[in-house]
Protein backbone atom coordinates (compact mmCIF):
# COMPACT_ATOMS: atom_id res chain seq x y z
CA MET A 1 66.46 -21.11 -39.04
CA ARG A 2 64.50 -23.43 -36.79
CA GLY A 3 63.52 -20.43 -34.69
CA CYS A 4 62.03 -18.71 -37.74
CA ILE A 5 59.90 -21.72 -38.51
CA VAL A 6 58.66 -21.91 -34.92
CA VAL A 7 57.80 -18.20 -34.91
CA ILE A 8 56.00 -18.47 -38.25
CA GLY A 9 53.94 -21.32 -36.81
CA GLN A 10 53.06 -19.37 -33.67
CA ASN A 11 52.20 -16.02 -35.24
CA PRO A 12 48.98 -17.10 -37.03
CA VAL A 13 47.72 -18.54 -33.75
CA GLN A 14 48.52 -15.29 -31.94
CA ILE A 15 46.91 -13.24 -34.70
CA SER A 16 43.77 -15.35 -34.50
CA ALA A 17 43.61 -14.95 -30.73
CA GLU A 18 44.14 -11.19 -30.99
CA GLU A 19 41.41 -10.87 -33.63
CA LYS A 20 38.99 -12.77 -31.40
CA LYS A 21 39.83 -10.44 -28.51
CA LYS A 22 39.33 -7.46 -30.80
CA ALA A 23 35.95 -8.77 -31.93
CA THR A 24 34.73 -9.22 -28.37
CA ALA A 25 36.17 -5.87 -27.29
CA GLY A 26 34.58 -4.12 -30.26
CA LYS A 27 31.06 -5.18 -29.29
CA GLY A 28 30.85 -2.45 -26.66
CA GLY A 29 29.26 0.92 -27.36
CA ALA A 30 32.40 3.09 -27.29
CA ALA A 31 34.60 0.87 -29.45
CA ALA A 32 36.38 3.73 -31.23
CA SER A 33 37.80 5.26 -28.05
CA ASN A 34 38.48 2.00 -26.21
CA PRO A 35 42.19 1.87 -25.26
CA ARG A 36 42.12 -1.91 -25.06
CA LEU A 37 40.82 -2.13 -28.62
CA THR A 38 43.56 0.22 -29.75
CA SER A 39 46.24 -1.91 -28.10
CA LEU A 40 44.76 -5.06 -29.66
CA ARG A 41 44.84 -3.48 -33.10
CA ALA A 42 48.47 -2.49 -32.53
CA ALA A 43 49.30 -6.06 -31.45
CA ILE A 44 47.64 -7.49 -34.56
CA ASP A 45 49.53 -5.06 -36.79
CA THR A 46 52.82 -6.00 -35.10
CA LEU A 47 52.17 -9.71 -35.52
CA ASN A 48 51.20 -9.26 -39.17
CA ALA A 49 54.44 -7.33 -39.76
CA ARG A 50 56.44 -10.15 -38.16
CA VAL A 51 54.75 -12.75 -40.34
CA GLN A 52 55.50 -10.70 -43.46
CA ALA A 53 59.16 -10.23 -42.46
CA LEU A 54 59.61 -13.94 -41.74
CA GLU A 55 57.93 -14.99 -44.97
CA THR A 56 60.24 -12.65 -46.88
CA LEU A 57 63.26 -14.11 -45.09
CA MET A 58 62.18 -17.67 -45.84
CA LYS A 59 61.66 -16.83 -49.53
CA GLN A 60 65.12 -15.29 -49.70
CA VAL A 61 66.69 -18.35 -48.09
CA PHE A 62 64.83 -20.67 -50.45
CA ASN A 63 65.79 -18.64 -53.50
CA GLY A 64 69.37 -18.28 -52.35
CA VAL A 65 69.90 -21.96 -51.65
CA PHE A 66 67.57 -24.02 -53.80
CA VAL A 67 67.04 -21.87 -56.88
CA GLN A 68 70.72 -20.97 -57.19
CA ARG A 69 71.98 -24.48 -56.39
CA TYR A 70 69.44 -26.57 -58.34
CA ARG A 71 72.12 -27.97 -60.68
CA ASP A 72 74.10 -29.60 -57.88
CA ILE A 73 74.18 -33.34 -58.39
CA ASP A 74 74.61 -34.12 -54.71
CA GLU A 75 71.77 -33.00 -52.43
CA HIS A 76 74.21 -32.85 -49.51
CA ILE A 77 75.52 -29.56 -50.92
CA ARG A 78 72.10 -27.94 -50.46
CA ILE A 79 71.79 -29.50 -46.99
CA GLU A 80 75.12 -28.02 -45.96
CA CYS A 81 74.13 -24.63 -47.38
CA VAL A 82 70.90 -24.56 -45.36
CA GLN A 83 72.73 -25.67 -42.21
CA ALA A 84 75.32 -22.94 -42.72
CA VAL A 85 72.59 -20.31 -43.13
CA GLY A 86 70.93 -21.63 -39.97
CA ARG A 87 74.15 -21.27 -37.99
CA TRP A 88 74.79 -17.82 -39.39
């Protein structure tokens, strides 16, 4: 679980860096056929897909633990559920 949060935090930074590289690479005359620009676009698409997958996973975990267990009187039950999902 902690790894997902770290990756989610890193991906926007990587996407921003890749977009800056793409912008500087795209300033040349033959931007459409530039292999570097193509690889940068592929890297941005991959990072965006990772962010989407991780956001979906985090929503599922939240819905599975907090929405389903909102009636629990003791918050330790939810804590144990999240820890169990993190170990799984």
